[in-house]
Amino acid sequence: MAEAKDMHQCQTANCGFIYNPDKGDRKGKVSKGTKFEKLPEDWKCPICGASKKAFRHLAG
């Protein structure tokens, strides 16, 4: 199970999607086990379309 330090949350208004490496991103065709740092630079939030720059660590 992923720890909070491995999860990232979208910081855009009205979103809050949490990227969990244990789940990946089916919509974005990202396999389970893919760390946030390994996501492609052009990856977008599956909910609101924000870039990786809009995400912050959940813990820390």
PDB file of N, CA and C in Angstrom:
ATOM      1  N   MET A   1       0.841  -1.188   0.000  1.00  0.00           N
ATOM      2  CA  MET A   1       0.000   0.000   0.000  1.00  0.00           C
ATOM      3  C   MET A   1       0.882   1.245   0.000  1.00  0.00           C
ATOM      4  N   ALA A   2       0.563   2.169  -0.866  1.00  0.00           N
ATOM      5  CA  ALA A   2       1.364   3.396  -0.974  1.00  0.00           C
ATOM      6  C   ALA A   2       1.237   4.231   0.292  1.00  0.00           C
ATOM      7  N   GLU A   3       2.339   4.856   0.655  1.00  0.00           N
ATOM      8  CA  GLU A   3       2.347   5.761   1.797  1.00  0.00           C
ATOM      9  C   GLU A   3       1.984   7.159   1.321  1.00  0.00           C
ATOM     10  N   ALA A   4       1.568   8.014   2.241  1.00  0.00           N
ATOM     11  CA  ALA A   4       1.180   9.385   1.885  1.00  0.00           C
ATOM     12  C   ALA A   4       2.305  10.107   1.156  1.00  0.00           C
ATOM     13  N   LYS A   5       3.551   9.840   1.527  1.00  0.00           N
ATOM     14  CA  LYS A   5       4.677  10.517   0.879  1.00  0.00           C
ATOM     15  C   LYS A   5       4.805  10.157  -0.599  1.00  0.00           C
ATOM     16  N   ASP A   6       4.173   9.055  -1.008  1.00  0.00           N
ATOM     17  CA  ASP A   6       4.221   8.620  -2.395  1.00  0.00           C
ATOM     18  C   ASP A   6       3.026   9.099  -3.208  1.00  0.00           C
ATOM     19  N   MET A   7       2.061   9.753  -2.534  1.00  0.00           N
ATOM     20  CA  MET A   7       0.857  10.228  -3.205  1.00  0.00           C
ATOM     21  C   MET A   7       0.941  11.733  -3.421  1.00  0.00           C
ATOM     22  N   HIS A   8       0.286  12.197  -4.463  1.00  0.00           N
ATOM     23  CA  HIS A   8       0.277  13.615  -4.813  1.00  0.00           C
ATOM     24  C   HIS A   8      -1.161  14.055  -5.052  1.00  0.00           C
ATOM     25  N   GLN A   9      -1.497  15.265  -4.615  1.00  0.00           N
ATOM     26  CA  GLN A   9      -2.856  15.777  -4.750  1.00  0.00           C
ATOM     27  C   GLN A   9      -2.888  16.995  -5.658  1.00  0.00           C
ATOM     28  N   CYS A  10      -3.876  17.020  -6.542  1.00  0.00           N
ATOM     29  CA  CYS A  10      -4.076  18.157  -7.432  1.00  0.00           C
ATOM     30  C   CYS A  10      -4.530  19.356  -6.601  1.00  0.00           C
ATOM     31  N   GLN A  11      -3.919  20.498  -6.817  1.00  0.00           N
ATOM     32  CA  GLN A  11      -4.203  21.689  -6.021  1.00  0.00           C
ATOM     33  C   GLN A  11      -5.105  22.688  -6.731  1.00  0.00           C
ATOM     34  N   THR A  12      -5.697  22.319  -7.853  1.00  0.00           N
ATOM     35  CA  THR A  12      -6.567  23.260  -8.537  1.00  0.00           C
ATOM     36  C   THR A  12      -7.911  23.346  -7.814  1.00  0.00           C
ATOM     37  N   ALA A  13      -8.594  24.466  -7.975  1.00  0.00           N
ATOM     38  CA  ALA A  13      -9.891  24.669  -7.336  1.00  0.00           C
ATOM     39  C   ALA A  13     -10.879  23.603  -7.794  1.00  0.00           C
ATOM     40  N   ASN A  14     -11.643  23.092  -6.872  1.00  0.00           N
ATOM     41  CA  ASN A  14     -12.706  22.113  -7.144  1.00  0.00           C
ATOM     42  C   ASN A  14     -12.231  20.772  -7.686  1.00  0.00           C
ATOM     43  N   CYS A  15     -10.979  20.399  -7.452  1.00  0.00           N
ATOM     44  CA  CYS A  15     -10.523  19.098  -7.933  1.00  0.00           C
ATOM     45  C   CYS A  15     -10.100  18.238  -6.742  1.00  0.00           C
ATOM     46  N   GLY A  16      -8.828  18.278  -6.379  1.00  0.00           N
ATOM     47  CA  GLY A  16      -8.349  17.488  -5.250  1.00  0.00           C
ATOM     48  C   GLY A  16      -8.044  16.037  -5.575  1.00  0.00           C
ATOM     49  N   PHE A  17      -7.999  15.678  -6.863  1.00  0.00           N
ATOM     50  CA  PHE A  17      -7.661  14.305  -7.248  1.00  0.00           C
ATOM     51  C   PHE A  17      -6.336  13.904  -6.619  1.00  0.00           C
ATOM     52  N   ILE A  18      -6.282  12.697  -6.086  1.00  0.00           N
ATOM     53  CA  ILE A  18      -5.047  12.179  -5.490  1.00  0.00           C
ATOM     54  C   ILE A  18      -4.488  11.087  -6.395  1.00  0.00           C
ATOM     55  N   TYR A  19      -3.261  11.323  -6.876  1.00  0.00           N
ATOM     56  CA  TYR A  19      -2.595  10.287  -7.669  1.00  0.00           C
ATOM     57  C   TYR A  19      -1.986   9.285  -6.710  1.00  0.00           C
ATOM     58  N   ASN A  20      -2.412   8.038  -6.833  1.00  0.00           N
ATOM     59  CA  ASN A  20      -1.932   6.943  -5.994  1.00  0.00           C
ATOM     60  C   ASN A  20      -1.182   5.964  -6.887  1.00  0.00           C
ATOM     61  N   PRO A  21       0.129   5.784  -6.676  1.00  0.00           N
ATOM     62  CA  PRO A  21       0.884   4.872  -7.541  1.00  0.00           C
ATOM     63  C   PRO A  21       0.382   3.432  -7.481  1.00  0.00           C
ATOM     64  N   ASP A  22      -0.290   3.047  -6.405  1.00  0.00           N
ATOM     65  CA  ASP A  22      -0.839   1.693  -6.324  1.00  0.00           C
ATOM     66  C   ASP A  22      -1.967   1.486  -7.336  1.00  0.00           C
ATOM     67  N   LYS A  23      -2.612   2.573  -7.734  1.00  0.00           N
ATOM     68  CA  LYS A  23      -3.730   2.482  -8.671  1.00  0.00           C
ATOM     69  C   LYS A  23      -3.356   2.888 -10.086  1.00  0.00           C
ATOM     70  N   GLY A  24      -2.357   3.775 -10.228  1.00  0.00           N
ATOM     71  CA  GLY A  24      -2.013   4.277 -11.551  1.00  0.00           C
ATOM     72  C   GLY A  24      -3.108   5.203 -12.055  1.00  0.00           C
ATOM     73  N   ASP A  25      -3.288   5.262 -13.359  1.00  0.00           N
ATOM     74  CA  ASP A  25      -4.309   6.117 -13.964  1.00  0.00           C
ATOM     75  C   ASP A  25      -4.810   5.423 -15.224  1.00  0.00           C
ATOM     76  N   ARG A  26      -5.932   4.717 -15.098  1.00  0.00           N
ATOM     77  CA  ARG A  26      -6.471   3.990 -16.251  1.00  0.00           C
ATOM     78  C   ARG A  26      -6.791   4.927 -17.403  1.00  0.00           C
ATOM     79  N   LYS A  27      -7.402   6.074 -17.101  1.00  0.00           N
ATOM     80  CA  LYS A  27      -7.785   7.020 -18.153  1.00  0.00           C
ATOM     81  C   LYS A  27      -6.553   7.501 -18.923  1.00  0.00           C
ATOM     82  N   GLY A  28      -5.452   7.749 -18.196  1.00  0.00           N
ATOM     83  CA  GLY A  28      -4.220   8.209 -18.820  1.00  0.00           C
ATOM     84  C   GLY A  28      -3.310   7.081 -19.257  1.00  0.00           C
ATOM     85  N   LYS A  29      -3.787   5.843 -19.135  1.00  0.00           N
ATOM     86  CA  LYS A  29      -3.030   4.643 -19.515  1.00  0.00           C
ATOM     87  C   LYS A  29      -1.698   4.545 -18.784  1.00  0.00           C
ATOM     88  N   VAL A  30      -1.743   4.841 -17.471  1.00  0.00           N
ATOM     89  CA  VAL A  30      -0.562   4.731 -16.610  1.00  0.00           C
ATOM     90  C   VAL A  30      -0.731   3.471 -15.773  1.00  0.00           C
ATOM     91  N   SER A  31       0.235   2.581 -15.844  1.00  0.00           N
ATOM     92  CA  SER A  31       0.172   1.299 -15.146  1.00  0.00           C
ATOM     93  C   SER A  31       0.251   1.460 -13.636  1.00  0.00           C
ATOM     94  N   LYS A  32      -0.382   0.516 -12.940  1.00  0.00           N
ATOM     95  CA  LYS A  32      -0.250   0.449 -11.485  1.00  0.00           C
ATOM     96  C   LYS A  32       1.226   0.330 -11.148  1.00  0.00           C
ATOM     97  N   GLY A  33       1.638   0.978 -10.056  1.00  0.00           N
ATOM     98  CA  GLY A  33       3.025   0.908  -9.619  1.00  0.00           C
ATOM     99  C   GLY A  33       3.901   2.024 -10.167  1.00  0.00           C
ATOM    100  N   THR A  34       3.349   2.881 -11.033  1.00  0.00           N
ATOM    101  CA  THR A  34       4.128   3.983 -11.601  1.00  0.00           C
ATOM    102  C   THR A  34       4.205   5.135 -10.607  1.00  0.00           C
ATOM    103  N   LYS A  35       5.418   5.473 -10.206  1.00  0.00           N
ATOM    104  CA  LYS A  35       5.607   6.585  -9.277  1.00  0.00           C
ATOM    105  C   LYS A  35       5.304   7.903  -9.978  1.00  0.00           C
ATOM    106  N   PHE A  36       4.858   8.883  -9.205  1.00  0.00           N
ATOM    107  CA  PHE A  36       4.506  10.195  -9.754  1.00  0.00           C
ATOM    108  C   PHE A  36       5.673  10.777 -10.545  1.00  0.00           C
ATOM    109  N   GLU A  37       6.867  10.635 -10.024  1.00  0.00           N
ATOM    110  CA  GLU A  37       8.057  11.185 -10.671  1.00  0.00           C
ATOM    111  C   GLU A  37       8.321  10.555 -12.036  1.00  0.00           C
ATOM    112  N   LYS A  38       7.792   9.360 -12.255  1.00  0.00           N
ATOM    113  CA  LYS A  38       8.004   8.646 -13.514  1.00  0.00           C
ATOM    114  C   LYS A  38       6.891   8.889 -14.529  1.00  0.00           C
ATOM    115  N   LEU A  39       5.853   9.660 -14.146  1.00  0.00           N
ATOM    116  CA  LEU A  39       4.794   9.983 -15.092  1.00  0.00           C
ATOM    117  C   LEU A  39       5.374  10.830 -16.214  1.00  0.00           C
ATOM    118  N   PRO A  40       4.857  10.693 -17.436  1.00  0.00           N
ATOM    119  CA  PRO A  40       5.346  11.535 -18.536  1.00  0.00           C
ATOM    120  C   PRO A  40       5.131  13.012 -18.203  1.00  0.00           C
ATOM    121  N   GLU A  41       6.000  13.867 -18.693  1.00  0.00           N
ATOM    122  CA  GLU A  41       5.892  15.302 -18.412  1.00  0.00           C
ATOM    123  C   GLU A  41       4.589  15.890 -18.939  1.00  0.00           C
ATOM    124  N   ASP A  42       4.011  15.281 -19.971  1.00  0.00           N
ATOM    125  CA  ASP A  42       2.759  15.801 -20.523  1.00  0.00           C
ATOM    126  C   ASP A  42       1.518  15.154 -19.905  1.00  0.00           C
ATOM    127  N   TRP A  43       1.699  14.360 -18.836  1.00  0.00           N
ATOM    128  CA  TRP A  43       0.566  13.741 -18.146  1.00  0.00           C
ATOM    129  C   TRP A  43      -0.324  14.825 -17.549  1.00  0.00           C
ATOM    130  N   LYS A  44      -1.626  14.601 -17.589  1.00  0.00           N
ATOM    131  CA  LYS A  44      -2.606  15.551 -17.066  1.00  0.00           C
ATOM    132  C   LYS A  44      -3.501  14.871 -16.035  1.00  0.00           C
ATOM    133  N   CYS A  45      -4.007  15.650 -15.100  1.00  0.00           N
ATOM    134  CA  CYS A  45      -4.968  15.157 -14.115  1.00  0.00           C
ATOM    135  C   CYS A  45      -6.177  14.583 -14.860  1.00  0.00           C
ATOM    136  N   PRO A  46      -6.587  13.357 -14.521  1.00  0.00           N
ATOM    137  CA  PRO A  46      -7.709  12.750 -15.227  1.00  0.00           C
ATOM    138  C   PRO A  46      -9.052  13.401 -14.904  1.00  0.00           C
ATOM    139  N   ILE A  47      -9.106  14.224 -13.883  1.00  0.00           N
ATOM    140  CA  ILE A  47     -10.357  14.887 -13.504  1.00  0.00           C
ATOM    141  C   ILE A  47     -10.468  16.275 -14.133  1.00  0.00           C
ATOM    142  N   CYS A  48      -9.442  17.105 -13.939  1.00  0.00           N
ATOM    143  CA  CYS A  48      -9.549  18.505 -14.368  1.00  0.00           C
ATOM    144  C   CYS A  48      -8.592  18.890 -15.491  1.00  0.00           C
ATOM    145  N   GLY A  49      -7.646  18.016 -15.846  1.00  0.00           N
ATOM    146  CA  GLY A  49      -6.730  18.302 -16.940  1.00  0.00           C
ATOM    147  C   GLY A  49      -5.521  19.142 -16.557  1.00  0.00           C
ATOM    148  N   ALA A  50      -5.306  19.370 -15.253  1.00  0.00           N
ATOM    149  CA  ALA A  50      -4.151  20.156 -14.795  1.00  0.00           C
ATOM    150  C   ALA A  50      -2.850  19.402 -15.056  1.00  0.00           C
ATOM    151  N   SER A  51      -1.766  20.149 -15.206  1.00  0.00           N
ATOM    152  CA  SER A  51      -0.451  19.544 -15.435  1.00  0.00           C
ATOM    153  C   SER A  51       0.132  19.015 -14.119  1.00  0.00           C
ATOM    154  N   LYS A  52       1.234  18.296 -14.239  1.00  0.00           N
ATOM    155  CA  LYS A  52       1.913  17.761 -13.052  1.00  0.00           C
ATOM    156  C   LYS A  52       2.320  18.872 -12.087  1.00  0.00           C
ATOM    157  N   LYS A  53       2.559  20.071 -12.611  1.00  0.00           N
ATOM    158  CA  LYS A  53       2.987  21.186 -11.763  1.00  0.00           C
ATOM    159  C   LYS A  53       1.916  21.604 -10.764  1.00  0.00           C
ATOM    160  N   ALA A  54       0.660  21.222 -11.001  1.00  0.00           N
ATOM    161  CA  ALA A  54      -0.441  21.577 -10.107  1.00  0.00           C
ATOM    162  C   ALA A  54      -0.545  20.621  -8.922  1.00  0.00           C
ATOM    163  N   PHE A  55       0.302  19.591  -8.888  1.00  0.00           N
ATOM    164  CA  PHE A  55       0.243  18.575  -7.833  1.00  0.00           C
ATOM    165  C   PHE A  55       1.282  18.826  -6.755  1.00  0.00           C
ATOM    166  N   ARG A  56       0.910  18.457  -5.526  1.00  0.00           N
ATOM    167  CA  ARG A  56       1.818  18.561  -4.379  1.00  0.00           C
ATOM    168  C   ARG A  56       1.781  17.248  -3.605  1.00  0.00           C
ATOM    169  N   HIS A  57       2.895  16.949  -2.896  1.00  0.00           N
ATOM    170  CA  HIS A  57       2.923  15.765  -2.034  1.00  0.00           C
ATOM    171  C   HIS A  57       1.800  15.861  -1.005  1.00  0.00           C
ATOM    172  N   LEU A  58       1.203  14.742  -0.682  1.00  0.00           N
ATOM    173  CA  LEU A  58       0.179  14.720   0.364  1.00  0.00           C
ATOM    174  C   LEU A  58       0.811  14.975   1.733  1.00  0.00           C
ATOM    175  N   ALA A  59       1.962  14.378   1.957  1.00  0.00           N
ATOM    176  CA  ALA A  59       2.644  14.528   3.255  1.00  0.00           C
ATOM    177  C   ALA A  59       4.012  15.140   3.013  1.00  0.00           C
ATOM    178  N   GLY A  60       4.372  16.053   3.873  1.00  0.00           N
ATOM    179  CA  GLY A  60       5.713  16.620   3.782  1.00  0.00           C
ATOM    180  C   GLY A  60       5.716  17.855   3.086  1.00  0.00           C
TER     181      GLY A  60
END
